[in-house]
Amino acid sequence: MTDQQNTAASEEENAPQFSLQRIYVRDLSFEAPKSPAIFRQQWEPSVGLDLNTRQKALESDFHEVVLTLSVTVKNGDEVAFIAEVQQAGIFLIKNLDDASMSHTLGAFCPNILFPYARETLDSLVTRGSFPALMLAPVNFDALYAQELQRMQAAGETPTVQ
C-alpha cells in the first residue's frame, strides 16, 4: 500500500500545473494631440492596432506574460488619439515540456489577458471622450502558429525565457 501511495504522490508532483496568480496593468498611456479641435470635426475614424506579447521567467516556476495593445486612431489624416496598454499576468506553470510551455506562454496566457486589456483600453479611450473601440477577439493560437512557421522558415527555434 505504501508503494502505491508513493507512486500516486510522485505522479501528482510531476503532473502539469497551471494557475493564474495575478493580473495587473504594467503600463498605460493615452494621447489626444488634436484635442479639442478633433471633437468639432466629422468623425470618420480609421483604427490601427499593434499587438505584442512577451514573457519573462520569474523565480522558480512563476512567469510574467505581458500583452501590449497599441492603438492609433486617425480621423482623416490627423491623429485623433494614441492609446497603449500593457496588461500583464503572473502565472504558475509547472511540469510542461518545452513545446507545451512555449504554447502556454505564447498563446494560452495572452488569451487570458486579452479581455482585461480590451476593457482597460476601452475605459481609457472613453475617458478621453472618444467612442469605445470594442476590439474583436484575437485568435492567439493562430498567431502563435504563424510565428512558429515564420521561425521555422528562418531557421530559428522558439525559446522559453
C-alpha atoms as a PDB file:
ATOM      1  CA  MET A   1       0.000   0.000   0.000  1.00  0.00           C
ATOM      2  CA  THR A   2       2.845   2.379   0.798  1.00  0.00           C
ATOM      3  CA  ASP A   3       4.403   1.856  -2.658  1.00  0.00           C
ATOM      4  CA  GLN A   4       1.073   2.750  -4.291  1.00  0.00           C
ATOM      5  CA  GLN A   5       0.782   5.890  -2.165  1.00  0.00           C
ATOM      6  CA  ASN A   6       4.359   6.916  -3.025  1.00  0.00           C
ATOM      7  CA  THR A   7       3.731   6.307  -6.736  1.00  0.00           C
ATOM      8  CA  ALA A   8       0.496   8.320  -6.649  1.00  0.00           C
ATOM      9  CA  ALA A   9       2.194  11.179  -4.768  1.00  0.00           C
ATOM     10  CA  SER A  10       5.104  11.146  -7.230  1.00  0.00           C
ATOM     11  CA  GLU A  11       2.750  11.233 -10.228  1.00  0.00           C
ATOM     12  CA  GLU A  12       0.805  14.109  -8.674  1.00  0.00           C
ATOM     13  CA  GLU A  13       4.037  16.068  -8.077  1.00  0.00           C
ATOM     14  CA  ASN A  14       5.050  15.627 -11.727  1.00  0.00           C
ATOM     15  CA  ALA A  15       1.613  16.384 -13.186  1.00  0.00           C
ATOM     16  CA  PRO A  16       1.330  19.584 -15.230  1.00  0.00           C
ATOM     17  CA  GLN A  17       0.150  22.542 -13.180  1.00  0.00           C
ATOM     18  CA  PHE A  18      -1.152  25.936 -14.243  1.00  0.00           C
ATOM     19  CA  SER A  19      -2.616  28.710 -12.124  1.00  0.00           C
ATOM     20  CA  LEU A  20      -3.145  32.410 -12.524  1.00  0.00           C
ATOM     21  CA  GLN A  21      -1.557  34.324  -9.661  1.00  0.00           C
ATOM     22  CA  ARG A  22      -2.222  37.963 -10.546  1.00  0.00           C
ATOM     23  CA  ILE A  23      -3.426  40.211 -13.391  1.00  0.00           C
ATOM     24  CA  TYR A  24      -2.347  43.854 -13.462  1.00  0.00           C
ATOM     25  CA  VAL A  25      -1.729  46.880 -15.676  1.00  0.00           C
ATOM     26  CA  ARG A  26       2.000  47.262 -16.202  1.00  0.00           C
ATOM     27  CA  ASP A  27       1.898  50.456 -18.289  1.00  0.00           C
ATOM     28  CA  LEU A  28      -0.805  52.720 -19.657  1.00  0.00           C
ATOM     29  CA  SER A  29      -0.738  55.774 -21.904  1.00  0.00           C
ATOM     30  CA  PHE A  30      -3.164  57.994 -23.797  1.00  0.00           C
ATOM     31  CA  GLU A  31      -2.537  60.982 -26.023  1.00  0.00           C
ATOM     32  CA  ALA A  32      -5.044  63.100 -27.968  1.00  0.00           C
ATOM     33  CA  PRO A  33      -2.794  65.595 -29.770  1.00  0.00           C
ATOM     34  CA  LYS A  34      -5.568  67.386 -31.696  1.00  0.00           C
ATOM     35  CA  SER A  35      -7.985  67.908 -28.789  1.00  0.00           C
ATOM     36  CA  PRO A  36     -10.252  69.788 -28.560  1.00  0.00           C
ATOM     37  CA  ALA A  37     -10.381  70.637 -32.308  1.00  0.00           C
ATOM     38  CA  ILE A  38     -10.831  66.946 -33.231  1.00  0.00           C
ATOM     39  CA  PHE A  39     -14.226  66.914 -31.469  1.00  0.00           C
ATOM     40  CA  ARG A  40     -15.600  69.551 -33.844  1.00  0.00           C
ATOM     41  CA  GLN A  41     -14.842  67.527 -36.992  1.00  0.00           C
ATOM     42  CA  GLN A  42     -16.923  64.927 -38.791  1.00  0.00           C
ATOM     43  CA  TRP A  43     -15.975  61.585 -37.167  1.00  0.00           C
ATOM     44  CA  GLU A  44     -14.701  59.079 -39.764  1.00  0.00           C
ATOM     45  CA  PRO A  45     -12.058  57.096 -37.870  1.00  0.00           C
ATOM     46  CA  SER A  46      -9.540  54.574 -39.106  1.00  0.00           C
ATOM     47  CA  VAL A  47      -8.045  52.291 -36.487  1.00  0.00           C
ATOM     48  CA  GLY A  48      -4.535  50.842 -36.468  1.00  0.00           C
ATOM     49  CA  LEU A  49      -3.804  48.111 -33.924  1.00  0.00           C
ATOM     50  CA  ASP A  50      -0.413  46.708 -32.961  1.00  0.00           C
ATOM     51  CA  LEU A  51      -0.345  43.682 -30.713  1.00  0.00           C
ATOM     52  CA  ASN A  52       2.679  42.196 -28.993  1.00  0.00           C
ATOM     53  CA  THR A  53       3.415  39.670 -26.268  1.00  0.00           C
ATOM     54  CA  ARG A  54       6.487  38.964 -24.225  1.00  0.00           C
ATOM     55  CA  GLN A  55       7.238  36.696 -21.332  1.00  0.00           C
ATOM     56  CA  LYS A  56       9.839  36.507 -18.625  1.00  0.00           C
ATOM     57  CA  ALA A  57      10.683  33.733 -16.210  1.00  0.00           C
ATOM     58  CA  LEU A  58      10.471  34.802 -12.596  1.00  0.00           C
ATOM     59  CA  GLU A  59      11.597  32.825  -9.551  1.00  0.00           C
ATOM     60  CA  SER A  60      11.024  29.056  -9.526  1.00  0.00           C
ATOM     61  CA  ASP A  61       8.014  28.167 -11.740  1.00  0.00           C
ATOM     62  CA  PHE A  62       6.474  31.639 -11.990  1.00  0.00           C
ATOM     63  CA  HIS A  63       6.277  33.507 -15.297  1.00  0.00           C
ATOM     64  CA  GLU A  64       5.232  37.022 -16.227  1.00  0.00           C
ATOM     65  CA  VAL A  65       3.410  37.430 -19.540  1.00  0.00           C
ATOM     66  CA  VAL A  66       2.804  40.942 -20.894  1.00  0.00           C
ATOM     67  CA  LEU A  67       0.286  41.658 -23.646  1.00  0.00           C
ATOM     68  CA  THR A  68       0.694  45.070 -25.277  1.00  0.00           C
ATOM     69  CA  LEU A  69      -2.109  46.656 -27.290  1.00  0.00           C
ATOM     70  CA  SER A  70      -1.192  49.881 -29.100  1.00  0.00           C
ATOM     71  CA  VAL A  71      -3.947  51.705 -30.976  1.00  0.00           C
ATOM     72  CA  THR A  72      -3.627  54.712 -33.260  1.00  0.00           C
ATOM     73  CA  VAL A  73      -6.913  56.212 -34.417  1.00  0.00           C
ATOM     74  CA  LYS A  74      -6.912  58.745 -37.217  1.00  0.00           C
ATOM     75  CA  ASN A  75      -9.719  60.960 -38.371  1.00  0.00           C
ATOM     76  CA  GLY A  76      -8.830  61.578 -41.995  1.00  0.00           C
ATOM     77  CA  ASP A  77      -5.113  62.366 -41.991  1.00  0.00           C
ATOM     78  CA  GLU A  78      -4.995  63.631 -38.406  1.00  0.00           C
ATOM     79  CA  VAL A  79      -4.218  61.503 -35.390  1.00  0.00           C
ATOM     80  CA  ALA A  80      -7.240  61.621 -33.101  1.00  0.00           C
ATOM     81  CA  PHE A  81      -5.633  59.604 -30.320  1.00  0.00           C
ATOM     82  CA  ILE A  82      -2.967  57.088 -29.448  1.00  0.00           C
ATOM     83  CA  ALA A  83      -3.597  54.646 -26.628  1.00  0.00           C
ATOM     84  CA  GLU A  84      -1.483  51.830 -25.269  1.00  0.00           C
ATOM     85  CA  VAL A  85      -1.958  49.314 -22.504  1.00  0.00           C
ATOM     86  CA  GLN A  86       0.457  46.691 -21.224  1.00  0.00           C
ATOM     87  CA  GLN A  87      -1.698  44.118 -19.474  1.00  0.00           C
ATOM     88  CA  ALA A  88       0.356  41.626 -17.501  1.00  0.00           C
ATOM     89  CA  GLY A  89      -0.152  38.473 -15.541  1.00  0.00           C
ATOM     90  CA  ILE A  90       1.863  36.256 -13.268  1.00  0.00           C
ATOM     91  CA  PHE A  91       1.307  32.557 -13.865  1.00  0.00           C
ATOM     92  CA  LEU A  92       2.498  29.467 -12.013  1.00  0.00           C
ATOM     93  CA  ILE A  93       3.358  26.855 -14.629  1.00  0.00           C
ATOM     94  CA  LYS A  94       4.995  23.543 -13.736  1.00  0.00           C
ATOM     95  CA  ASN A  95       5.940  20.265 -15.369  1.00  0.00           C
ATOM     96  CA  LEU A  96       5.346  21.125 -19.022  1.00  0.00           C
ATOM     97  CA  ASP A  97       7.604  20.015 -21.863  1.00  0.00           C
ATOM     98  CA  ASP A  98       9.269  22.791 -23.879  1.00  0.00           C
ATOM     99  CA  ALA A  99       6.684  22.801 -26.693  1.00  0.00           C
ATOM    100  CA  SER A 100       3.748  22.932 -24.270  1.00  0.00           C
ATOM    101  CA  MET A 101       5.432  25.649 -22.206  1.00  0.00           C
ATOM    102  CA  SER A 102       6.085  27.726 -25.326  1.00  0.00           C
ATOM    103  CA  HIS A 103       2.448  27.384 -26.445  1.00  0.00           C
ATOM    104  CA  THR A 104       1.126  28.174 -22.958  1.00  0.00           C
ATOM    105  CA  LEU A 105       3.212  31.352 -22.673  1.00  0.00           C
ATOM    106  CA  GLY A 106       2.742  32.389 -26.317  1.00  0.00           C
ATOM    107  CA  ALA A 107      -0.972  31.721 -26.806  1.00  0.00           C
ATOM    108  CA  PHE A 108      -2.863  30.474 -23.744  1.00  0.00           C
ATOM    109  CA  CYS A 109      -1.754  33.219 -21.329  1.00  0.00           C
ATOM    110  CA  PRO A 110      -2.349  36.064 -23.848  1.00  0.00           C
ATOM    111  CA  ASN A 111      -5.863  34.643 -24.407  1.00  0.00           C
ATOM    112  CA  ILE A 112      -6.484  35.091 -20.679  1.00  0.00           C
ATOM    113  CA  LEU A 113      -5.059  38.635 -20.638  1.00  0.00           C
ATOM    114  CA  PHE A 114      -6.805  39.976 -23.756  1.00  0.00           C
ATOM    115  CA  PRO A 115     -10.280  40.658 -22.280  1.00  0.00           C
ATOM    116  CA  TYR A 116      -8.678  42.647 -19.455  1.00  0.00           C
ATOM    117  CA  ALA A 117      -6.526  44.644 -21.890  1.00  0.00           C
ATOM    118  CA  ARG A 118      -9.530  45.323 -24.156  1.00  0.00           C
ATOM    119  CA  GLU A 119     -11.628  46.589 -21.236  1.00  0.00           C
ATOM    120  CA  THR A 120      -8.781  48.772 -19.938  1.00  0.00           C
ATOM    121  CA  LEU A 121      -8.234  50.241 -23.413  1.00  0.00           C
ATOM    122  CA  ASP A 122     -11.958  50.969 -23.885  1.00  0.00           C
ATOM    123  CA  SER A 123     -12.151  52.635 -20.483  1.00  0.00           C
ATOM    124  CA  LEU A 124      -9.118  54.776 -21.275  1.00  0.00           C
ATOM    125  CA  VAL A 125     -10.469  55.842 -24.670  1.00  0.00           C
ATOM    126  CA  THR A 126     -13.921  56.753 -23.328  1.00  0.00           C
ATOM    127  CA  ARG A 127     -12.308  58.845 -20.585  1.00  0.00           C
ATOM    128  CA  GLY A 128     -10.704  60.800 -23.426  1.00  0.00           C
ATOM    129  CA  SER A 129     -14.273  61.431 -24.712  1.00  0.00           C
ATOM    130  CA  PHE A 130     -13.946  59.125 -27.718  1.00  0.00           C
ATOM    131  CA  PRO A 131     -16.190  56.166 -28.568  1.00  0.00           C
ATOM    132  CA  ALA A 132     -15.135  52.782 -27.182  1.00  0.00           C
ATOM    133  CA  LEU A 133     -13.098  50.684 -29.603  1.00  0.00           C
ATOM    134  CA  MET A 134     -14.781  47.341 -28.897  1.00  0.00           C
ATOM    135  CA  LEU A 135     -11.870  45.361 -30.360  1.00  0.00           C
ATOM    136  CA  ALA A 136     -12.781  41.993 -31.855  1.00  0.00           C
ATOM    137  CA  PRO A 137     -11.445  38.856 -30.164  1.00  0.00           C
ATOM    138  CA  VAL A 138      -7.968  37.759 -31.241  1.00  0.00           C
ATOM    139  CA  ASN A 139      -7.029  34.177 -32.089  1.00  0.00           C
ATOM    140  CA  PHE A 140      -3.711  33.878 -30.253  1.00  0.00           C
ATOM    141  CA  ASP A 141      -3.409  30.198 -31.202  1.00  0.00           C
ATOM    142  CA  ALA A 142      -3.393  31.155 -34.899  1.00  0.00           C
ATOM    143  CA  LEU A 143      -0.901  33.983 -34.263  1.00  0.00           C
ATOM    144  CA  TYR A 144       1.318  31.587 -32.321  1.00  0.00           C
ATOM    145  CA  ALA A 145       1.178  29.027 -35.156  1.00  0.00           C
ATOM    146  CA  GLN A 146       2.094  31.741 -37.694  1.00  0.00           C
ATOM    147  CA  GLU A 147       5.044  32.809 -35.551  1.00  0.00           C
ATOM    148  CA  LEU A 148       6.249  29.198 -35.291  1.00  0.00           C
ATOM    149  CA  GLN A 149       6.079  28.855 -39.073  1.00  0.00           C
ATOM    150  CA  ARG A 150       7.993  32.106 -39.528  1.00  0.00           C
ATOM    151  CA  MET A 151      10.657  30.952 -37.084  1.00  0.00           C
ATOM    152  CA  GLN A 152      10.992  27.549 -38.759  1.00  0.00           C
ATOM    153  CA  ALA A 153      11.352  29.212 -42.184  1.00  0.00           C
ATOM    154  CA  ALA A 154      14.059  31.473 -40.761  1.00  0.00           C
ATOM    155  CA  GLY A 155      15.818  28.543 -39.085  1.00  0.00           C
ATOM    156  CA  GLU A 156      15.124  29.860 -35.575  1.00  0.00           C
ATOM    157  CA  THR A 157      13.932  27.838 -32.606  1.00  0.00           C
ATOM    158  CA  PRO A 158      11.389  29.094 -30.100  1.00  0.00           C
ATOM    159  CA  THR A 159      12.864  29.740 -26.690  1.00  0.00           C
ATOM    160  CA  VAL A 160      11.214  29.938 -23.311  1.00  0.00           C
ATOM    161  CA  GLN A 161      12.844  32.553 -21.121  1.00  0.00           C
END
